[in-house]
Every structure is written in C-alpha cells, then in structure tokens.
PDBML (XML) file of the C-alpha atoms, coordinates in Angstrom:
<?xml version="1.0" encoding="UTF-8" ?>
<PDBx:datablock datablockName="MODEL"
   xmlns:PDBx="http://pdbml.pdb.org/schema/pdbx-v50.xsd"
   xmlns:xsi="http://www.w3.org/2001/XMLSchema-instance"
   xsi:schemaLocation="http://pdbml.pdb.org/schema/pdbx-v50.xsd pdbx-v50.xsd">
   <PDBx:atom_siteCategory>
      <PDBx:atom_site id="1">
         <PDBx:B_iso_or_equiv>0.00</PDBx:B_iso_or_equiv>
         <PDBx:Cartn_x>-0.015</PDBx:Cartn_x>
         <PDBx:Cartn_y>0.005</PDBx:Cartn_y>
         <PDBx:Cartn_z>-0.057</PDBx:Cartn_z>
         <PDBx:auth_asym_id>A</PDBx:auth_asym_id>
         <PDBx:auth_atom_id>CA</PDBx:auth_atom_id>
         <PDBx:auth_comp_id>PHE</PDBx:auth_comp_id>
         <PDBx:auth_seq_id>1</PDBx:auth_seq_id>
         <PDBx:group_PDB>ATOM</PDBx:group_PDB>
         <PDBx:label_alt_id xsi:nil="true" />
         <PDBx:label_asym_id>A</PDBx:label_asym_id>
         <PDBx:label_atom_id>CA</PDBx:label_atom_id>
         <PDBx:label_comp_id>PHE</PDBx:label_comp_id>
         <PDBx:label_entity_id>1</PDBx:label_entity_id>
         <PDBx:label_seq_id>1</PDBx:label_seq_id>
         <PDBx:occupancy>1.00</PDBx:occupancy>
         <PDBx:pdbx_PDB_model_num>1</PDBx:pdbx_PDB_model_num>
         <PDBx:type_symbol>C</PDBx:type_symbol>
      </PDBx:atom_site>
      <PDBx:atom_site id="2">
         <PDBx:B_iso_or_equiv>0.00</PDBx:B_iso_or_equiv>
         <PDBx:Cartn_x>2.772</PDBx:Cartn_x>
         <PDBx:Cartn_y>2.457</PDBx:Cartn_y>
         <PDBx:Cartn_z>0.916</PDBx:Cartn_z>
         <PDBx:auth_asym_id>A</PDBx:auth_asym_id>
         <PDBx:auth_atom_id>CA</PDBx:auth_atom_id>
         <PDBx:auth_comp_id>CYS</PDBx:auth_comp_id>
         <PDBx:auth_seq_id>2</PDBx:auth_seq_id>
         <PDBx:group_PDB>ATOM</PDBx:group_PDB>
         <PDBx:label_alt_id xsi:nil="true" />
         <PDBx:label_asym_id>A</PDBx:label_asym_id>
         <PDBx:label_atom_id>CA</PDBx:label_atom_id>
         <PDBx:label_comp_id>CYS</PDBx:label_comp_id>
         <PDBx:label_entity_id>1</PDBx:label_entity_id>
         <PDBx:label_seq_id>2</PDBx:label_seq_id>
         <PDBx:occupancy>1.00</PDBx:occupancy>
         <PDBx:pdbx_PDB_model_num>1</PDBx:pdbx_PDB_model_num>
         <PDBx:type_symbol>C</PDBx:type_symbol>
      </PDBx:atom_site>
      <PDBx:atom_site id="3">
         <PDBx:B_iso_or_equiv>0.00</PDBx:B_iso_or_equiv>
         <PDBx:Cartn_x>4.636</PDBx:Cartn_x>
         <PDBx:Cartn_y>1.631</PDBx:Cartn_y>
         <PDBx:Cartn_z>-2.304</PDBx:Cartn_z>
         <PDBx:auth_asym_id>A</PDBx:auth_asym_id>
         <PDBx:auth_atom_id>CA</PDBx:auth_atom_id>
         <PDBx:auth_comp_id>ASN</PDBx:auth_comp_id>
         <PDBx:auth_seq_id>3</PDBx:auth_seq_id>
         <PDBx:group_PDB>ATOM</PDBx:group_PDB>
         <PDBx:label_alt_id xsi:nil="true" />
         <PDBx:label_asym_id>A</PDBx:label_asym_id>
         <PDBx:label_atom_id>CA</PDBx:label_atom_id>
         <PDBx:label_comp_id>ASN</PDBx:label_comp_id>
         <PDBx:label_entity_id>1</PDBx:label_entity_id>
         <PDBx:label_seq_id>3</PDBx:label_seq_id>
         <PDBx:occupancy>1.00</PDBx:occupancy>
         <PDBx:pdbx_PDB_model_num>1</PDBx:pdbx_PDB_model_num>
         <PDBx:type_symbol>C</PDBx:type_symbol>
      </PDBx:atom_site>
      <PDBx:atom_site id="4">
         <PDBx:B_iso_or_equiv>0.00</PDBx:B_iso_or_equiv>
         <PDBx:Cartn_x>1.617</PDBx:Cartn_x>
         <PDBx:Cartn_y>2.210</PDBx:Cartn_y>
         <PDBx:Cartn_z>-4.546</PDBx:Cartn_z>
         <PDBx:auth_asym_id>A</PDBx:auth_asym_id>
         <PDBx:auth_atom_id>CA</PDBx:auth_atom_id>
         <PDBx:auth_comp_id>TRP</PDBx:auth_comp_id>
         <PDBx:auth_seq_id>4</PDBx:auth_seq_id>
         <PDBx:group_PDB>ATOM</PDBx:group_PDB>
         <PDBx:label_alt_id xsi:nil="true" />
         <PDBx:label_asym_id>A</PDBx:label_asym_id>
         <PDBx:label_atom_id>CA</PDBx:label_atom_id>
         <PDBx:label_comp_id>TRP</PDBx:label_comp_id>
         <PDBx:label_entity_id>1</PDBx:label_entity_id>
         <PDBx:label_seq_id>4</PDBx:label_seq_id>
         <PDBx:occupancy>1.00</PDBx:occupancy>
         <PDBx:pdbx_PDB_model_num>1</PDBx:pdbx_PDB_model_num>
         <PDBx:type_symbol>C</PDBx:type_symbol>
      </PDBx:atom_site>
      <PDBx:atom_site id="5">
         <PDBx:B_iso_or_equiv>0.00</PDBx:B_iso_or_equiv>
         <PDBx:Cartn_x>0.304</PDBx:Cartn_x>
         <PDBx:Cartn_y>5.217</PDBx:Cartn_y>
         <PDBx:Cartn_z>-2.605</PDBx:Cartn_z>
         <PDBx:auth_asym_id>A</PDBx:auth_asym_id>
         <PDBx:auth_atom_id>CA</PDBx:auth_atom_id>
         <PDBx:auth_comp_id>ALA</PDBx:auth_comp_id>
         <PDBx:auth_seq_id>5</PDBx:auth_seq_id>
         <PDBx:group_PDB>ATOM</PDBx:group_PDB>
         <PDBx:label_alt_id xsi:nil="true" />
         <PDBx:label_asym_id>A</PDBx:label_asym_id>
         <PDBx:label_atom_id>CA</PDBx:label_atom_id>
         <PDBx:label_comp_id>ALA</PDBx:label_comp_id>
         <PDBx:label_entity_id>1</PDBx:label_entity_id>
         <PDBx:label_seq_id>5</PDBx:label_seq_id>
         <PDBx:occupancy>1.00</PDBx:occupancy>
         <PDBx:pdbx_PDB_model_num>1</PDBx:pdbx_PDB_model_num>
         <PDBx:type_symbol>C</PDBx:type_symbol>
      </PDBx:atom_site>
      <PDBx:atom_site id="6">
         <PDBx:B_iso_or_equiv>0.00</PDBx:B_iso_or_equiv>
         <PDBx:Cartn_x>3.769</PDBx:Cartn_x>
         <PDBx:Cartn_y>6.881</PDBx:Cartn_y>
         <PDBx:Cartn_z>-3.001</PDBx:Cartn_z>
         <PDBx:auth_asym_id>A</PDBx:auth_asym_id>
         <PDBx:auth_atom_id>CA</PDBx:auth_atom_id>
         <PDBx:auth_comp_id>CYS</PDBx:auth_comp_id>
         <PDBx:auth_seq_id>6</PDBx:auth_seq_id>
         <PDBx:group_PDB>ATOM</PDBx:group_PDB>
         <PDBx:label_alt_id xsi:nil="true" />
         <PDBx:label_asym_id>A</PDBx:label_asym_id>
         <PDBx:label_atom_id>CA</PDBx:label_atom_id>
         <PDBx:label_comp_id>CYS</PDBx:label_comp_id>
         <PDBx:label_entity_id>1</PDBx:label_entity_id>
         <PDBx:label_seq_id>6</PDBx:label_seq_id>
         <PDBx:occupancy>1.00</PDBx:occupancy>
         <PDBx:pdbx_PDB_model_num>1</PDBx:pdbx_PDB_model_num>
         <PDBx:type_symbol>C</PDBx:type_symbol>
      </PDBx:atom_site>
      <PDBx:atom_site id="7">
         <PDBx:B_iso_or_equiv>0.00</PDBx:B_iso_or_equiv>
         <PDBx:Cartn_x>3.908</PDBx:Cartn_x>
         <PDBx:Cartn_y>5.976</PDBx:Cartn_y>
         <PDBx:Cartn_z>-6.685</PDBx:Cartn_z>
         <PDBx:auth_asym_id>A</PDBx:auth_asym_id>
         <PDBx:auth_atom_id>CA</PDBx:auth_atom_id>
         <PDBx:auth_comp_id>ASN</PDBx:auth_comp_id>
         <PDBx:auth_seq_id>7</PDBx:auth_seq_id>
         <PDBx:group_PDB>ATOM</PDBx:group_PDB>
         <PDBx:label_alt_id xsi:nil="true" />
         <PDBx:label_asym_id>A</PDBx:label_asym_id>
         <PDBx:label_atom_id>CA</PDBx:label_atom_id>
         <PDBx:label_comp_id>ASN</PDBx:label_comp_id>
         <PDBx:label_entity_id>1</PDBx:label_entity_id>
         <PDBx:label_seq_id>7</PDBx:label_seq_id>
         <PDBx:occupancy>1.00</PDBx:occupancy>
         <PDBx:pdbx_PDB_model_num>1</PDBx:pdbx_PDB_model_num>
         <PDBx:type_symbol>C</PDBx:type_symbol>
      </PDBx:atom_site>
      <PDBx:atom_site id="8">
         <PDBx:B_iso_or_equiv>0.00</PDBx:B_iso_or_equiv>
         <PDBx:Cartn_x>0.390</PDBx:Cartn_x>
         <PDBx:Cartn_y>7.496</PDBx:Cartn_y>
         <PDBx:Cartn_z>-7.217</PDBx:Cartn_z>
         <PDBx:auth_asym_id>A</PDBx:auth_asym_id>
         <PDBx:auth_atom_id>CA</PDBx:auth_atom_id>
         <PDBx:auth_comp_id>PHE</PDBx:auth_comp_id>
         <PDBx:auth_seq_id>8</PDBx:auth_seq_id>
         <PDBx:group_PDB>ATOM</PDBx:group_PDB>
         <PDBx:label_alt_id xsi:nil="true" />
         <PDBx:label_asym_id>A</PDBx:label_asym_id>
         <PDBx:label_atom_id>CA</PDBx:label_atom_id>
         <PDBx:label_comp_id>PHE</PDBx:label_comp_id>
         <PDBx:label_entity_id>1</PDBx:label_entity_id>
         <PDBx:label_seq_id>8</PDBx:label_seq_id>
         <PDBx:occupancy>1.00</PDBx:occupancy>
         <PDBx:pdbx_PDB_model_num>1</PDBx:pdbx_PDB_model_num>
         <PDBx:type_symbol>C</PDBx:type_symbol>
      </PDBx:atom_site>
      <PDBx:atom_site id="9">
         <PDBx:B_iso_or_equiv>0.00</PDBx:B_iso_or_equiv>
         <PDBx:Cartn_x>1.361</PDBx:Cartn_x>
         <PDBx:Cartn_y>10.727</PDBx:Cartn_y>
         <PDBx:Cartn_z>-5.243</PDBx:Cartn_z>
         <PDBx:auth_asym_id>A</PDBx:auth_asym_id>
         <PDBx:auth_atom_id>CA</PDBx:auth_atom_id>
         <PDBx:auth_comp_id>ILE</PDBx:auth_comp_id>
         <PDBx:auth_seq_id>9</PDBx:auth_seq_id>
         <PDBx:group_PDB>ATOM</PDBx:group_PDB>
         <PDBx:label_alt_id xsi:nil="true" />
         <PDBx:label_asym_id>A</PDBx:label_asym_id>
         <PDBx:label_atom_id>CA</PDBx:label_atom_id>
         <PDBx:label_comp_id>ILE</PDBx:label_comp_id>
         <PDBx:label_entity_id>1</PDBx:label_entity_id>
         <PDBx:label_seq_id>9</PDBx:label_seq_id>
         <PDBx:occupancy>1.00</PDBx:occupancy>
         <PDBx:pdbx_PDB_model_num>1</PDBx:pdbx_PDB_model_num>
         <PDBx:type_symbol>C</PDBx:type_symbol>
      </PDBx:atom_site>
      <PDBx:atom_site id="10">
         <PDBx:B_iso_or_equiv>0.00</PDBx:B_iso_or_equiv>
         <PDBx:Cartn_x>4.560</PDBx:Cartn_x>
         <PDBx:Cartn_y>11.204</PDBx:Cartn_y>
         <PDBx:Cartn_z>-7.311</PDBx:Cartn_z>
         <PDBx:auth_asym_id>A</PDBx:auth_asym_id>
         <PDBx:auth_atom_id>CA</PDBx:auth_atom_id>
         <PDBx:auth_comp_id>VAL</PDBx:auth_comp_id>
         <PDBx:auth_seq_id>10</PDBx:auth_seq_id>
         <PDBx:group_PDB>ATOM</PDBx:group_PDB>
         <PDBx:label_alt_id xsi:nil="true" />
         <PDBx:label_asym_id>A</PDBx:label_asym_id>
         <PDBx:label_atom_id>CA</PDBx:label_atom_id>
         <PDBx:label_comp_id>VAL</PDBx:label_comp_id>
         <PDBx:label_entity_id>1</PDBx:label_entity_id>
         <PDBx:label_seq_id>10</PDBx:label_seq_id>
         <PDBx:occupancy>1.00</PDBx:occupancy>
         <PDBx:pdbx_PDB_model_num>1</PDBx:pdbx_PDB_model_num>
         <PDBx:type_symbol>C</PDBx:type_symbol>
      </PDBx:atom_site>
      <PDBx:atom_site id="11">
         <PDBx:B_iso_or_equiv>0.00</PDBx:B_iso_or_equiv>
         <PDBx:Cartn_x>2.726</PDBx:Cartn_x>
         <PDBx:Cartn_y>10.474</PDBx:Cartn_y>
         <PDBx:Cartn_z>-10.544</PDBx:Cartn_z>
         <PDBx:auth_asym_id>A</PDBx:auth_asym_id>
         <PDBx:auth_atom_id>CA</PDBx:auth_atom_id>
         <PDBx:auth_comp_id>GLY</PDBx:auth_comp_id>
         <PDBx:auth_seq_id>11</PDBx:auth_seq_id>
         <PDBx:group_PDB>ATOM</PDBx:group_PDB>
         <PDBx:label_alt_id xsi:nil="true" />
         <PDBx:label_asym_id>A</PDBx:label_asym_id>
         <PDBx:label_atom_id>CA</PDBx:label_atom_id>
         <PDBx:label_comp_id>GLY</PDBx:label_comp_id>
         <PDBx:label_entity_id>1</PDBx:label_entity_id>
         <PDBx:label_seq_id>11</PDBx:label_seq_id>
         <PDBx:occupancy>1.00</PDBx:occupancy>
         <PDBx:pdbx_PDB_model_num>1</PDBx:pdbx_PDB_model_num>
         <PDBx:type_symbol>C</PDBx:type_symbol>
      </PDBx:atom_site>
      <PDBx:atom_site id="12">
         <PDBx:B_iso_or_equiv>0.00</PDBx:B_iso_or_equiv>
         <PDBx:Cartn_x>-0.023</PDBx:Cartn_x>
         <PDBx:Cartn_y>12.917</PDBx:Cartn_y>
         <PDBx:Cartn_z>-9.847</PDBx:Cartn_z>
         <PDBx:auth_asym_id>A</PDBx:auth_asym_id>
         <PDBx:auth_atom_id>CA</PDBx:auth_atom_id>
         <PDBx:auth_comp_id>MET</PDBx:auth_comp_id>
         <PDBx:auth_seq_id>12</PDBx:auth_seq_id>
         <PDBx:group_PDB>ATOM</PDBx:group_PDB>
         <PDBx:label_alt_id xsi:nil="true" />
         <PDBx:label_asym_id>A</PDBx:label_asym_id>
         <PDBx:label_atom_id>CA</PDBx:label_atom_id>
         <PDBx:label_comp_id>MET</PDBx:label_comp_id>
         <PDBx:label_entity_id>1</PDBx:label_entity_id>
         <PDBx:label_seq_id>12</PDBx:label_seq_id>
         <PDBx:occupancy>1.00</PDBx:occupancy>
         <PDBx:pdbx_PDB_model_num>1</PDBx:pdbx_PDB_model_num>
         <PDBx:type_symbol>C</PDBx:type_symbol>
      </PDBx:atom_site>
      <PDBx:atom_site id="13">
         <PDBx:B_iso_or_equiv>0.00</PDBx:B_iso_or_equiv>
         <PDBx:Cartn_x>2.018</PDBx:Cartn_x>
         <PDBx:Cartn_y>15.723</PDBx:Cartn_y>
         <PDBx:Cartn_z>-8.374</PDBx:Cartn_z>
         <PDBx:auth_asym_id>A</PDBx:auth_asym_id>
         <PDBx:auth_atom_id>CA</PDBx:auth_atom_id>
         <PDBx:auth_comp_id>CYS</PDBx:auth_comp_id>
         <PDBx:auth_seq_id>13</PDBx:auth_seq_id>
         <PDBx:group_PDB>ATOM</PDBx:group_PDB>
         <PDBx:label_alt_id xsi:nil="true" />
         <PDBx:label_asym_id>A</PDBx:label_asym_id>
         <PDBx:label_atom_id>CA</PDBx:label_atom_id>
         <PDBx:label_comp_id>CYS</PDBx:label_comp_id>
         <PDBx:label_entity_id>1</PDBx:label_entity_id>
         <PDBx:label_seq_id>13</PDBx:label_seq_id>
         <PDBx:occupancy>1.00</PDBx:occupancy>
         <PDBx:pdbx_PDB_model_num>1</PDBx:pdbx_PDB_model_num>
         <PDBx:type_symbol>C</PDBx:type_symbol>
      </PDBx:atom_site>
      <PDBx:atom_site id="14">
         <PDBx:B_iso_or_equiv>0.00</PDBx:B_iso_or_equiv>
         <PDBx:Cartn_x>5.257</PDBx:Cartn_x>
         <PDBx:Cartn_y>15.616</PDBx:Cartn_y>
         <PDBx:Cartn_z>-10.338</PDBx:Cartn_z>
         <PDBx:auth_asym_id>A</PDBx:auth_asym_id>
         <PDBx:auth_atom_id>CA</PDBx:auth_atom_id>
         <PDBx:auth_comp_id>PHE</PDBx:auth_comp_id>
         <PDBx:auth_seq_id>14</PDBx:auth_seq_id>
         <PDBx:group_PDB>ATOM</PDBx:group_PDB>
         <PDBx:label_alt_id xsi:nil="true" />
         <PDBx:label_asym_id>A</PDBx:label_asym_id>
         <PDBx:label_atom_id>CA</PDBx:label_atom_id>
         <PDBx:label_comp_id>PHE</PDBx:label_comp_id>
         <PDBx:label_entity_id>1</PDBx:label_entity_id>
         <PDBx:label_seq_id>14</PDBx:label_seq_id>
         <PDBx:occupancy>1.00</PDBx:occupancy>
         <PDBx:pdbx_PDB_model_num>1</PDBx:pdbx_PDB_model_num>
         <PDBx:type_symbol>C</PDBx:type_symbol>
      </PDBx:atom_site>
      <PDBx:atom_site id="15">
         <PDBx:B_iso_or_equiv>0.00</PDBx:B_iso_or_equiv>
         <PDBx:Cartn_x>4.160</PDBx:Cartn_x>
         <PDBx:Cartn_y>17.967</PDBx:Cartn_y>
         <PDBx:Cartn_z>-13.065</PDBx:Cartn_z>
         <PDBx:auth_asym_id>A</PDBx:auth_asym_id>
         <PDBx:auth_atom_id>CA</PDBx:auth_atom_id>
         <PDBx:auth_comp_id>GLN</PDBx:auth_comp_id>
         <PDBx:auth_seq_id>15</PDBx:auth_seq_id>
         <PDBx:group_PDB>ATOM</PDBx:group_PDB>
         <PDBx:label_alt_id xsi:nil="true" />
         <PDBx:label_asym_id>A</PDBx:label_asym_id>
         <PDBx:label_atom_id>CA</PDBx:label_atom_id>
         <PDBx:label_comp_id>GLN</PDBx:label_comp_id>
         <PDBx:label_entity_id>1</PDBx:label_entity_id>
         <PDBx:label_seq_id>15</PDBx:label_seq_id>
         <PDBx:occupancy>1.00</PDBx:occupancy>
         <PDBx:pdbx_PDB_model_num>1</PDBx:pdbx_PDB_model_num>
         <PDBx:type_symbol>C</PDBx:type_symbol>
      </PDBx:atom_site>
      <PDBx:atom_site id="16">
         <PDBx:B_iso_or_equiv>0.00</PDBx:B_iso_or_equiv>
         <PDBx:Cartn_x>2.975</PDBx:Cartn_x>
         <PDBx:Cartn_y>20.528</PDBx:Cartn_y>
         <PDBx:Cartn_z>-10.569</PDBx:Cartn_z>
         <PDBx:auth_asym_id>A</PDBx:auth_asym_id>
         <PDBx:auth_atom_id>CA</PDBx:auth_atom_id>
         <PDBx:auth_comp_id>TYR</PDBx:auth_comp_id>
         <PDBx:auth_seq_id>16</PDBx:auth_seq_id>
         <PDBx:group_PDB>ATOM</PDBx:group_PDB>
         <PDBx:label_alt_id xsi:nil="true" />
         <PDBx:label_asym_id>A</PDBx:label_asym_id>
         <PDBx:label_atom_id>CA</PDBx:label_atom_id>
         <PDBx:label_comp_id>TYR</PDBx:label_comp_id>
         <PDBx:label_entity_id>1</PDBx:label_entity_id>
         <PDBx:label_seq_id>16</PDBx:label_seq_id>
         <PDBx:occupancy>1.00</PDBx:occupancy>
         <PDBx:pdbx_PDB_model_num>1</PDBx:pdbx_PDB_model_num>
         <PDBx:type_symbol>C</PDBx:type_symbol>
      </PDBx:atom_site>
      <PDBx:atom_site id="17">
         <PDBx:B_iso_or_equiv>0.00</PDBx:B_iso_or_equiv>
         <PDBx:Cartn_x>6.204</PDBx:Cartn_x>
         <PDBx:Cartn_y>20.231</PDBx:Cartn_y>
         <PDBx:Cartn_z>-8.590</PDBx:Cartn_z>
         <PDBx:auth_asym_id>A</PDBx:auth_asym_id>
         <PDBx:auth_atom_id>CA</PDBx:auth_atom_id>
         <PDBx:auth_comp_id>ILE</PDBx:auth_comp_id>
         <PDBx:auth_seq_id>17</PDBx:auth_seq_id>
         <PDBx:group_PDB>ATOM</PDBx:group_PDB>
         <PDBx:label_alt_id xsi:nil="true" />
         <PDBx:label_asym_id>A</PDBx:label_asym_id>
         <PDBx:label_atom_id>CA</PDBx:label_atom_id>
         <PDBx:label_comp_id>ILE</PDBx:label_comp_id>
         <PDBx:label_entity_id>1</PDBx:label_entity_id>
         <PDBx:label_seq_id>17</PDBx:label_seq_id>
         <PDBx:occupancy>1.00</PDBx:occupancy>
         <PDBx:pdbx_PDB_model_num>1</PDBx:pdbx_PDB_model_num>
         <PDBx:type_symbol>C</PDBx:type_symbol>
      </PDBx:atom_site>
      <PDBx:atom_site id="18">
         <PDBx:B_iso_or_equiv>0.00</PDBx:B_iso_or_equiv>
         <PDBx:Cartn_x>8.248</PDBx:Cartn_x>
         <PDBx:Cartn_y>20.500</PDBx:Cartn_y>
         <PDBx:Cartn_z>-11.840</PDBx:Cartn_z>
         <PDBx:auth_asym_id>A</PDBx:auth_asym_id>
         <PDBx:auth_atom_id>CA</PDBx:auth_atom_id>
         <PDBx:auth_comp_id>ALA</PDBx:auth_comp_id>
         <PDBx:auth_seq_id>18</PDBx:auth_seq_id>
         <PDBx:group_PDB>ATOM</PDBx:group_PDB>
         <PDBx:label_alt_id xsi:nil="true" />
         <PDBx:label_asym_id>A</PDBx:label_asym_id>
         <PDBx:label_atom_id>CA</PDBx:label_atom_id>
         <PDBx:label_comp_id>ALA</PDBx:label_comp_id>
         <PDBx:label_entity_id>1</PDBx:label_entity_id>
         <PDBx:label_seq_id>18</PDBx:label_seq_id>
         <PDBx:occupancy>1.00</PDBx:occupancy>
         <PDBx:pdbx_PDB_model_num>1</PDBx:pdbx_PDB_model_num>
         <PDBx:type_symbol>C</PDBx:type_symbol>
      </PDBx:atom_site>
      <PDBx:atom_site id="19">
         <PDBx:B_iso_or_equiv>0.00</PDBx:B_iso_or_equiv>
         <PDBx:Cartn_x>6.357</PDBx:Cartn_x>
         <PDBx:Cartn_y>23.606</PDBx:Cartn_y>
         <PDBx:Cartn_z>-12.818</PDBx:Cartn_z>
         <PDBx:auth_asym_id>A</PDBx:auth_asym_id>
         <PDBx:auth_atom_id>CA</PDBx:auth_atom_id>
         <PDBx:auth_comp_id>ASP</PDBx:auth_comp_id>
         <PDBx:auth_seq_id>19</PDBx:auth_seq_id>
         <PDBx:group_PDB>ATOM</PDBx:group_PDB>
         <PDBx:label_alt_id xsi:nil="true" />
         <PDBx:label_asym_id>A</PDBx:label_asym_id>
         <PDBx:label_atom_id>CA</PDBx:label_atom_id>
         <PDBx:label_comp_id>ASP</PDBx:label_comp_id>
         <PDBx:label_entity_id>1</PDBx:label_entity_id>
         <PDBx:label_seq_id>19</PDBx:label_seq_id>
         <PDBx:occupancy>1.00</PDBx:occupancy>
         <PDBx:pdbx_PDB_model_num>1</PDBx:pdbx_PDB_model_num>
         <PDBx:type_symbol>C</PDBx:type_symbol>
      </PDBx:atom_site>
      <PDBx:atom_site id="20">
         <PDBx:B_iso_or_equiv>0.00</PDBx:B_iso_or_equiv>
         <PDBx:Cartn_x>7.012</PDBx:Cartn_x>
         <PDBx:Cartn_y>25.108</PDBx:Cartn_y>
         <PDBx:Cartn_z>-9.328</PDBx:Cartn_z>
         <PDBx:auth_asym_id>A</PDBx:auth_asym_id>
         <PDBx:auth_atom_id>CA</PDBx:auth_atom_id>
         <PDBx:auth_comp_id>LEU</PDBx:auth_comp_id>
         <PDBx:auth_seq_id>20</PDBx:auth_seq_id>
         <PDBx:group_PDB>ATOM</PDBx:group_PDB>
         <PDBx:label_alt_id xsi:nil="true" />
         <PDBx:label_asym_id>A</PDBx:label_asym_id>
         <PDBx:label_atom_id>CA</PDBx:label_atom_id>
         <PDBx:label_comp_id>LEU</PDBx:label_comp_id>
         <PDBx:label_entity_id>1</PDBx:label_entity_id>
         <PDBx:label_seq_id>20</PDBx:label_seq_id>
         <PDBx:occupancy>1.00</PDBx:occupancy>
         <PDBx:pdbx_PDB_model_num>1</PDBx:pdbx_PDB_model_num>
         <PDBx:type_symbol>C</PDBx:type_symbol>
      </PDBx:atom_site>
      <PDBx:atom_site id="21">
         <PDBx:B_iso_or_equiv>0.00</PDBx:B_iso_or_equiv>
         <PDBx:Cartn_x>10.642</PDBx:Cartn_x>
         <PDBx:Cartn_y>24.095</PDBx:Cartn_y>
         <PDBx:Cartn_z>-8.896</PDBx:Cartn_z>
         <PDBx:auth_asym_id>A</PDBx:auth_asym_id>
         <PDBx:auth_atom_id>CA</PDBx:auth_atom_id>
         <PDBx:auth_comp_id>CYS</PDBx:auth_comp_id>
         <PDBx:auth_seq_id>21</PDBx:auth_seq_id>
         <PDBx:group_PDB>ATOM</PDBx:group_PDB>
         <PDBx:label_alt_id xsi:nil="true" />
         <PDBx:label_asym_id>A</PDBx:label_asym_id>
         <PDBx:label_atom_id>CA</PDBx:label_atom_id>
         <PDBx:label_comp_id>CYS</PDBx:label_comp_id>
         <PDBx:label_entity_id>1</PDBx:label_entity_id>
         <PDBx:label_seq_id>21</PDBx:label_seq_id>
         <PDBx:occupancy>1.00</PDBx:occupancy>
         <PDBx:pdbx_PDB_model_num>1</PDBx:pdbx_PDB_model_num>
         <PDBx:type_symbol>C</PDBx:type_symbol>
      </PDBx:atom_site>
      <PDBx:atom_site id="22">
         <PDBx:B_iso_or_equiv>0.00</PDBx:B_iso_or_equiv>
         <PDBx:Cartn_x>11.831</PDBx:Cartn_x>
         <PDBx:Cartn_y>24.257</PDBx:Cartn_y>
         <PDBx:Cartn_z>-12.492</PDBx:Cartn_z>
         <PDBx:auth_asym_id>A</PDBx:auth_asym_id>
         <PDBx:auth_atom_id>CA</PDBx:auth_atom_id>
         <PDBx:auth_comp_id>GLY</PDBx:auth_comp_id>
         <PDBx:auth_seq_id>22</PDBx:auth_seq_id>
         <PDBx:group_PDB>ATOM</PDBx:group_PDB>
         <PDBx:label_alt_id xsi:nil="true" />
         <PDBx:label_asym_id>A</PDBx:label_asym_id>
         <PDBx:label_atom_id>CA</PDBx:label_atom_id>
         <PDBx:label_comp_id>GLY</PDBx:label_comp_id>
         <PDBx:label_entity_id>1</PDBx:label_entity_id>
         <PDBx:label_seq_id>22</PDBx:label_seq_id>
         <PDBx:occupancy>1.00</PDBx:occupancy>
         <PDBx:pdbx_PDB_model_num>1</PDBx:pdbx_PDB_model_num>
         <PDBx:type_symbol>C</PDBx:type_symbol>
      </PDBx:atom_site>
      <PDBx:atom_site id="23">
         <PDBx:B_iso_or_equiv>0.00</PDBx:B_iso_or_equiv>
         <PDBx:Cartn_x>15.216</PDBx:Cartn_x>
         <PDBx:Cartn_y>22.604</PDBx:Cartn_y>
         <PDBx:Cartn_z>-13.027</PDBx:Cartn_z>
         <PDBx:auth_asym_id>A</PDBx:auth_asym_id>
         <PDBx:auth_atom_id>CA</PDBx:auth_atom_id>
         <PDBx:auth_comp_id>PRO</PDBx:auth_comp_id>
         <PDBx:auth_seq_id>23</PDBx:auth_seq_id>
         <PDBx:group_PDB>ATOM</PDBx:group_PDB>
         <PDBx:label_alt_id xsi:nil="true" />
         <PDBx:label_asym_id>A</PDBx:label_asym_id>
         <PDBx:label_atom_id>CA</PDBx:label_atom_id>
         <PDBx:label_comp_id>PRO</PDBx:label_comp_id>
         <PDBx:label_entity_id>1</PDBx:label_entity_id>
         <PDBx:label_seq_id>23</PDBx:label_seq_id>
         <PDBx:occupancy>1.00</PDBx:occupancy>
         <PDBx:pdbx_PDB_model_num>1</PDBx:pdbx_PDB_model_num>
         <PDBx:type_symbol>C</PDBx:type_symbol>
      </PDBx:atom_site>
      <PDBx:atom_site id="24">
         <PDBx:B_iso_or_equiv>0.00</PDBx:B_iso_or_equiv>
         <PDBx:Cartn_x>15.617</PDBx:Cartn_x>
         <PDBx:Cartn_y>21.975</PDBx:Cartn_y>
         <PDBx:Cartn_z>-9.343</PDBx:Cartn_z>
         <PDBx:auth_asym_id>A</PDBx:auth_asym_id>
         <PDBx:auth_atom_id>CA</PDBx:auth_atom_id>
         <PDBx:auth_comp_id>TYR</PDBx:auth_comp_id>
         <PDBx:auth_seq_id>24</PDBx:auth_seq_id>
         <PDBx:group_PDB>ATOM</PDBx:group_PDB>
         <PDBx:label_alt_id xsi:nil="true" />
         <PDBx:label_asym_id>A</PDBx:label_asym_id>
         <PDBx:label_atom_id>CA</PDBx:label_atom_id>
         <PDBx:label_comp_id>TYR</PDBx:label_comp_id>
         <PDBx:label_entity_id>1</PDBx:label_entity_id>
         <PDBx:label_seq_id>24</PDBx:label_seq_id>
         <PDBx:occupancy>1.00</PDBx:occupancy>
         <PDBx:pdbx_PDB_model_num>1</PDBx:pdbx_PDB_model_num>
         <PDBx:type_symbol>C</PDBx:type_symbol>
      </PDBx:atom_site>
   </PDBx:atom_siteCategory>
</PDBx:datablock>
C-alpha cells in the first residue's frame, strides 16, 4: 500500500512540482 500510494502521489504531483521548482 505504501509503495503504490507513493507511486500515485509522485505520478499525480510531479508535473505541478516540476512547474513550481523548474530545473531543481
């Protein structure tokens, strides 16, 4: 559950975090 929940969170949030942090 922890593995799949973290995969889901990263998958759903990565684009927003990338837009916010840019190259960092």
